[in-house]
Amino acid sequence: MSDKKENEKREDKKTVIKITNLVKEYKMFNSKKDRLLEAIIPKFQRHTTFRAMDNLNLEVKEGEVLGILGKNGAGKSTLLKMITGVVFPTSGEIKINGRISSLLELRNSI
């Protein structure tokens, strides 16, 4: 089948996951003391920012399968946690049409 026909078929299908401009940042502290100081005195910033996800855009249509591969620290688990609502994005939007469940934190014990 030609690429044009495949694209037309894909466009006809319902979008089940749509991610737009997704960003996730974490505050990184050198010590628990720094975290406490910043919590008590917000002007007293003692953190650096780690950007785990930077401007991700993704669309999954009905019937498609998505595999997420990457090195350690690439943001795979962070993305799945945001899709399932366990963690919230710093900015951007995630739209889910349908039910979604999570099987995160399954690890190989070998």
Protein backbone atom coordinates (compact mmCIF):
# COMPACT_ATOMS: atom_id res chain seq x y z
CA MET A 1 0.00 0.00 0.00
CA SER A 2 1.32 3.49 -0.79
CA ASP A 3 2.41 5.92 1.92
CA LYS A 4 -0.33 8.34 0.89
CA LYS A 5 -3.07 5.72 1.36
CA GLU A 6 -1.59 4.65 4.73
CA ASN A 7 -1.55 8.27 5.90
CA GLU A 8 -5.18 8.73 4.82
CA LYS A 9 -6.22 5.60 6.75
CA ARG A 10 -4.30 6.83 9.80
CA GLU A 11 -6.02 10.25 9.64
CA ASP A 12 -9.45 8.56 9.65
CA LYS A 13 -8.74 6.81 12.96
CA LYS A 14 -9.57 8.31 16.35
CA THR A 15 -6.68 9.82 18.33
CA VAL A 16 -6.36 7.99 21.66
CA ILE A 17 -3.29 9.78 23.07
CA LYS A 18 -2.26 13.30 22.10
CA ILE A 19 0.73 14.98 23.76
CA THR A 20 1.55 18.59 22.94
CA ASN A 21 4.65 20.57 24.02
CA LEU A 22 5.21 18.36 27.07
CA VAL A 23 7.84 19.55 29.56
CA LYS A 24 8.76 18.05 32.94
CA GLU A 25 11.25 19.71 35.27
CA TYR A 26 12.43 18.59 38.69
CA LYS A 27 14.03 20.74 41.37
CA MET A 28 17.37 19.24 42.44
CA PHE A 29 18.73 20.04 45.91
CA ASN A 30 22.21 19.38 47.28
CA SER A 31 20.86 18.57 50.74
CA LYS A 32 17.66 18.14 52.74
CA LYS A 33 18.61 21.35 54.54
CA ASP A 34 18.52 23.28 51.24
CA ARG A 35 15.09 21.80 50.43
CA LEU A 36 13.77 22.84 53.85
CA LEU A 37 15.23 26.35 53.60
CA GLU A 38 13.61 26.91 50.22
CA ALA A 39 10.28 25.57 51.48
CA ILE A 40 10.33 27.96 54.44
CA ILE A 41 11.79 30.97 52.57
CA PRO A 42 10.75 30.71 48.88
CA LYS A 43 12.91 33.71 47.87
CA PHE A 44 15.95 31.79 49.13
CA GLN A 45 16.45 29.56 46.06
CA ARG A 46 18.79 26.64 46.71
CA HIS A 47 18.00 24.32 43.80
CA THR A 48 19.05 23.62 40.25
CA THR A 49 16.53 22.50 37.64
CA PHE A 50 16.73 19.17 35.82
CA ARG A 51 14.64 18.97 32.64
CA ALA A 52 13.54 15.34 32.29
CA MET A 53 11.28 15.99 29.29
CA ASP A 54 11.67 18.83 26.81
CA ASN A 55 8.92 19.82 24.36
CA LEU A 56 7.64 16.34 23.43
CA ASN A 57 4.87 16.04 20.84
CA LEU A 58 3.22 12.69 20.16
CA GLU A 59 -0.01 11.34 18.70
CA VAL A 60 -1.19 7.73 18.91
CA LYS A 61 -4.20 6.65 16.86
CA GLU A 62 -6.65 3.87 17.63
CA GLY A 63 -5.15 0.44 16.84
CA GLU A 64 -1.54 1.63 16.87
CA VAL A 65 1.13 0.22 19.15
CA LEU A 66 3.74 2.44 20.78
CA GLY A 67 7.12 1.26 22.04
CA ILE A 68 9.30 3.55 24.15
CA LEU A 69 13.03 2.82 24.03
CA GLY A 70 15.95 4.79 25.41
CA LYS A 71 18.98 4.86 27.65
CA ASN A 72 18.77 5.10 31.42
CA GLY A 73 17.68 8.60 32.35
CA ALA A 74 16.09 9.28 28.95
CA GLY A 75 12.64 9.94 30.45
CA LYS A 76 10.78 6.73 29.54
CA SER A 77 9.26 6.16 32.99
CA THR A 78 8.62 9.87 33.46
CA LEU A 79 6.62 9.93 30.24
CA LEU A 80 4.57 6.86 31.21
CA LYS A 81 3.92 8.31 34.68
CA MET A 82 2.66 11.55 33.14
CA ILE A 83 0.41 9.69 30.67
CA THR A 84 -1.14 7.68 33.52
CA GLY A 85 -1.49 10.72 35.82
CA VAL A 86 0.96 9.56 38.50
CA VAL A 87 3.17 12.63 37.83
CA PHE A 88 2.03 15.97 36.39
CA PRO A 89 3.83 17.85 33.63
CA THR A 90 5.48 21.20 34.31
CA SER A 91 3.88 22.48 31.10
CA GLY A 92 2.23 21.12 28.01
CA GLU A 93 -0.87 19.03 27.54
CA ILE A 94 -1.79 15.35 27.57
CA LYS A 95 -5.18 14.27 26.20
CA ILE A 96 -6.34 10.69 26.67
CA ASN A 97 -9.46 9.34 24.95
CA GLY A 98 -10.40 6.09 26.63
CA ARG A 99 -9.18 4.17 29.64
CA ILE A 100 -5.55 3.82 30.56
CA SER A 101 -3.85 1.75 33.22
CA SER A 102 -0.30 1.53 34.45
CA LEU A 103 2.08 -1.38 34.84
CA LEU A 104 5.09 0.69 35.81
CA GLU A 105 7.97 -0.38 38.00
CA LEU A 106 8.06 -3.95 36.74
CA ARG A 107 11.72 -4.88 36.91
CA ASN A 108 13.76 -7.81 35.82
CA SER A 109 15.15 -9.49 38.94
CA ILE A 110 17.91 -11.45 37.22
